[in-house]
Amino acid sequence: MTGGAYSVTSTWPEGAFELLSGEPALGGLKGEIRHHHCANCFSWVYTRAPQIGPFVNVRTTMLDAPPSDPPFVQCYLSEALPWARFDAAHSYDKFPAMEEWPKLLEEFAAARAAATEETSA
């Protein structure tokens, strides 16, 4: 959907996501997955999908203040360009199996809490 070598996204609980302006246009429809794009330039902004539960997958570059932590999970290494890889805590040839996500989220939350504690100490 990006036409680029990779796409950096952040997954947020629905309650932590708010679209501040504009009315998105649906695009890239694939089953129940809904990709929301800027109606003006058609850049991909965020995705909602029942498969990921009460979360919103947001293009990190669309955030006013993108997170500074490095990526935690990288997916679709089976299609990655050799020079577009990076070190992440977890890497997958495709997407992780749905039953792996609760453990990944728990591990990410623990790592984020430890990093926050480290910086405030």
C-alpha atoms as a PDB file:
ATOM      1  CA  MET A   1       0.000   0.000   0.000  1.00  0.00           C
ATOM      2  CA  THR A   2       2.957   2.323   0.411  1.00  0.00           C
ATOM      3  CA  GLY A   3       4.873   1.693  -2.800  1.00  0.00           C
ATOM      4  CA  GLY A   4       8.018   1.794  -0.635  1.00  0.00           C
ATOM      5  CA  ALA A   5      10.457  -0.673   0.823  1.00  0.00           C
ATOM      6  CA  TYR A   6       8.741  -0.685   4.204  1.00  0.00           C
ATOM      7  CA  SER A   7       5.913   0.800   6.209  1.00  0.00           C
ATOM      8  CA  VAL A   8       6.266   1.879   9.831  1.00  0.00           C
ATOM      9  CA  THR A   9       3.064   1.612  11.832  1.00  0.00           C
ATOM     10  CA  SER A  10       2.065   1.825  15.479  1.00  0.00           C
ATOM     11  CA  THR A  11      -0.794  -0.099  17.016  1.00  0.00           C
ATOM     12  CA  TRP A  12      -2.856   1.856  19.547  1.00  0.00           C
ATOM     13  CA  PRO A  13      -5.884   1.026  21.681  1.00  0.00           C
ATOM     14  CA  GLU A  14      -9.001   2.556  20.084  1.00  0.00           C
ATOM     15  CA  GLY A  15      -9.445   4.868  23.078  1.00  0.00           C
ATOM     16  CA  ALA A  16      -5.964   6.364  22.555  1.00  0.00           C
ATOM     17  CA  PHE A  17      -6.610   7.226  18.899  1.00  0.00           C
ATOM     18  CA  GLU A  18      -8.383  10.337  17.688  1.00  0.00           C
ATOM     19  CA  LEU A  19      -8.551  11.686  14.149  1.00  0.00           C
ATOM     20  CA  LEU A  20      -8.231  15.443  14.634  1.00  0.00           C
ATOM     21  CA  SER A  21      -9.376  16.678  11.249  1.00  0.00           C
ATOM     22  CA  GLY A  22     -10.711  15.577   7.898  1.00  0.00           C
ATOM     23  CA  GLU A  23     -12.963  12.760   6.834  1.00  0.00           C
ATOM     24  CA  PRO A  24     -10.972   9.700   5.694  1.00  0.00           C
ATOM     25  CA  ALA A  25     -11.677   7.820   2.475  1.00  0.00           C
ATOM     26  CA  LEU A  26     -11.775   4.032   2.493  1.00  0.00           C
ATOM     27  CA  GLY A  27      -9.318   2.305   0.205  1.00  0.00           C
ATOM     28  CA  GLY A  28      -7.425  -0.943  -0.181  1.00  0.00           C
ATOM     29  CA  LEU A  29     -10.492  -2.901   0.937  1.00  0.00           C
ATOM     30  CA  LYS A  30      -9.754  -6.509   1.740  1.00  0.00           C
ATOM     31  CA  GLY A  31     -12.529  -8.382   3.487  1.00  0.00           C
ATOM     32  CA  GLU A  32     -13.349  -6.775   6.833  1.00  0.00           C
ATOM     33  CA  ILE A  33     -10.071  -4.796   6.951  1.00  0.00           C
ATOM     34  CA  ARG A  34     -10.662  -1.060   6.498  1.00  0.00           C
ATOM     35  CA  HIS A  35      -7.738   1.094   5.372  1.00  0.00           C
ATOM     36  CA  HIS A  36      -8.478   4.784   5.904  1.00  0.00           C
ATOM     37  CA  HIS A  37      -6.764   7.305   3.624  1.00  0.00           C
ATOM     38  CA  CYS A  38      -6.542  11.088   3.437  1.00  0.00           C
ATOM     39  CA  ALA A  39      -9.395  12.115   1.129  1.00  0.00           C
ATOM     40  CA  ASN A  40      -7.191  14.857  -0.335  1.00  0.00           C
ATOM     41  CA  CYS A  41      -3.882  13.098  -1.142  1.00  0.00           C
ATOM     42  CA  PHE A  42      -4.946   9.448  -0.570  1.00  0.00           C
ATOM     43  CA  SER A  43      -2.031   8.741   1.780  1.00  0.00           C
ATOM     44  CA  TRP A  44      -2.734   5.776   4.026  1.00  0.00           C
ATOM     45  CA  VAL A  45      -3.435   7.077   7.551  1.00  0.00           C
ATOM     46  CA  TYR A  46      -4.765   4.173   9.643  1.00  0.00           C
ATOM     47  CA  THR A  47      -6.386   0.738   9.543  1.00  0.00           C
ATOM     48  CA  ARG A  48      -9.150  -0.877  11.565  1.00  0.00           C
ATOM     49  CA  ALA A  49      -9.613  -4.636  11.409  1.00  0.00           C
ATOM     50  CA  PRO A  50     -11.629  -7.032  13.559  1.00  0.00           C
ATOM     51  CA  GLN A  51      -8.627  -9.390  13.521  1.00  0.00           C
ATOM     52  CA  ILE A  52      -6.617  -7.034  15.732  1.00  0.00           C
ATOM     53  CA  GLY A  53      -9.448  -6.397  18.180  1.00  0.00           C
ATOM     54  CA  PRO A  54     -10.029  -2.983  19.764  1.00  0.00           C
ATOM     55  CA  PHE A  55      -6.890  -1.462  18.242  1.00  0.00           C
ATOM     56  CA  VAL A  56      -6.083   0.960  15.439  1.00  0.00           C
ATOM     57  CA  ASN A  57      -3.018   0.465  13.254  1.00  0.00           C
ATOM     58  CA  VAL A  58      -1.689   3.977  12.488  1.00  0.00           C
ATOM     59  CA  ARG A  59       0.958   5.046   9.989  1.00  0.00           C
ATOM     60  CA  THR A  60       3.571   6.362  12.409  1.00  0.00           C
ATOM     61  CA  THR A  61       4.522   9.180  10.053  1.00  0.00           C
ATOM     62  CA  MET A  62       0.972  10.565  10.356  1.00  0.00           C
ATOM     63  CA  LEU A  63       1.292  11.228  14.098  1.00  0.00           C
ATOM     64  CA  ASP A  64       1.997  14.733  15.383  1.00  0.00           C
ATOM     65  CA  ALA A  65       4.605  13.246  17.740  1.00  0.00           C
ATOM     66  CA  PRO A  66       5.773   9.818  16.543  1.00  0.00           C
ATOM     67  CA  PRO A  67       7.180   7.473  19.212  1.00  0.00           C
ATOM     68  CA  SER A  68      10.959   7.516  19.421  1.00  0.00           C
ATOM     69  CA  ASP A  69      11.386   3.888  20.487  1.00  0.00           C
ATOM     70  CA  PRO A  70      12.685   1.479  17.852  1.00  0.00           C
ATOM     71  CA  PRO A  71      10.333  -1.001  16.161  1.00  0.00           C
ATOM     72  CA  PHE A  72       9.430  -3.959  18.355  1.00  0.00           C
ATOM     73  CA  VAL A  73       8.026  -6.297  15.683  1.00  0.00           C
ATOM     74  CA  GLN A  74       8.853  -6.482  11.987  1.00  0.00           C
ATOM     75  CA  CYS A  75       6.680  -8.462   9.601  1.00  0.00           C
ATOM     76  CA  TYR A  76       6.879  -9.717   6.044  1.00  0.00           C
ATOM     77  CA  LEU A  77      10.619 -10.287   5.982  1.00  0.00           C
ATOM     78  CA  SER A  78       9.867 -12.783   3.214  1.00  0.00           C
ATOM     79  CA  GLU A  79       9.296  -9.758   0.962  1.00  0.00           C
ATOM     80  CA  ALA A  80      11.791  -7.315   2.487  1.00  0.00           C
ATOM     81  CA  LEU A  81      14.576  -5.789   0.463  1.00  0.00           C
ATOM     82  CA  PRO A  82      17.929  -6.855   1.960  1.00  0.00           C
ATOM     83  CA  TRP A  83      18.876  -3.260   2.804  1.00  0.00           C
ATOM     84  CA  ALA A  84      15.514  -2.436   4.389  1.00  0.00           C
ATOM     85  CA  ARG A  85      15.858  -4.691   7.427  1.00  0.00           C
ATOM     86  CA  PHE A  86      16.469  -3.567  10.991  1.00  0.00           C
ATOM     87  CA  ASP A  87      16.948  -5.131  14.374  1.00  0.00           C
ATOM     88  CA  ALA A  88      13.670  -5.667  16.175  1.00  0.00           C
ATOM     89  CA  ALA A  89      12.822  -7.729  19.218  1.00  0.00           C
ATOM     90  CA  HIS A  90      10.669 -10.007  17.009  1.00  0.00           C
ATOM     91  CA  SER A  91      10.789 -10.736  13.278  1.00  0.00           C
ATOM     92  CA  TYR A  92       8.384 -12.745  11.109  1.00  0.00           C
ATOM     93  CA  ASP A  93       8.330 -13.897   7.488  1.00  0.00           C
ATOM     94  CA  LYS A  94       4.628 -12.907   7.344  1.00  0.00           C
ATOM     95  CA  PHE A  95       2.409 -11.784  10.255  1.00  0.00           C
ATOM     96  CA  PRO A  96       2.615 -13.427  13.693  1.00  0.00           C
ATOM     97  CA  ALA A  97      -0.135 -15.940  14.374  1.00  0.00           C
ATOM     98  CA  MET A  98      -3.124 -14.337  16.132  1.00  0.00           C
ATOM     99  CA  GLU A  99      -2.489 -16.378  19.285  1.00  0.00           C
ATOM    100  CA  GLU A 100       1.016 -14.814  19.547  1.00  0.00           C
ATOM    101  CA  TRP A 101      -0.277 -11.231  19.785  1.00  0.00           C
ATOM    102  CA  PRO A 102      -1.288 -11.231  23.490  1.00  0.00           C
ATOM    103  CA  LYS A 103       2.229 -12.357  24.470  1.00  0.00           C
ATOM    104  CA  LEU A 104       3.821  -9.787  22.123  1.00  0.00           C
ATOM    105  CA  LEU A 105       1.656  -6.987  23.557  1.00  0.00           C
ATOM    106  CA  GLU A 106       2.479  -8.043  27.116  1.00  0.00           C
ATOM    107  CA  GLU A 107       6.208  -8.165  26.351  1.00  0.00           C
ATOM    108  CA  PHE A 108       6.082  -4.792  24.607  1.00  0.00           C
ATOM    109  CA  ALA A 109       4.232  -3.196  27.533  1.00  0.00           C
ATOM    110  CA  ALA A 110       6.810  -4.587  29.984  1.00  0.00           C
ATOM    111  CA  ALA A 111       9.726  -3.352  27.837  1.00  0.00           C
ATOM    112  CA  ARG A 112       8.115   0.088  27.489  1.00  0.00           C
ATOM    113  CA  ALA A 113       7.478   0.318  31.253  1.00  0.00           C
ATOM    114  CA  ALA A 114      11.090  -0.663  31.980  1.00  0.00           C
ATOM    115  CA  ALA A 115      12.397   1.939  29.499  1.00  0.00           C
ATOM    116  CA  THR A 116      10.158   4.625  31.023  1.00  0.00           C
ATOM    117  CA  GLU A 117      11.323   3.700  34.517  1.00  0.00           C
ATOM    118  CA  GLU A 118      14.944   3.825  33.348  1.00  0.00           C
ATOM    119  CA  THR A 119      14.612   7.320  31.868  1.00  0.00           C
ATOM    120  CA  SER A 120      12.796   8.723  34.917  1.00  0.00           C
ATOM    121  CA  ALA A 121      15.342   7.327  37.411  1.00  0.00           C
END
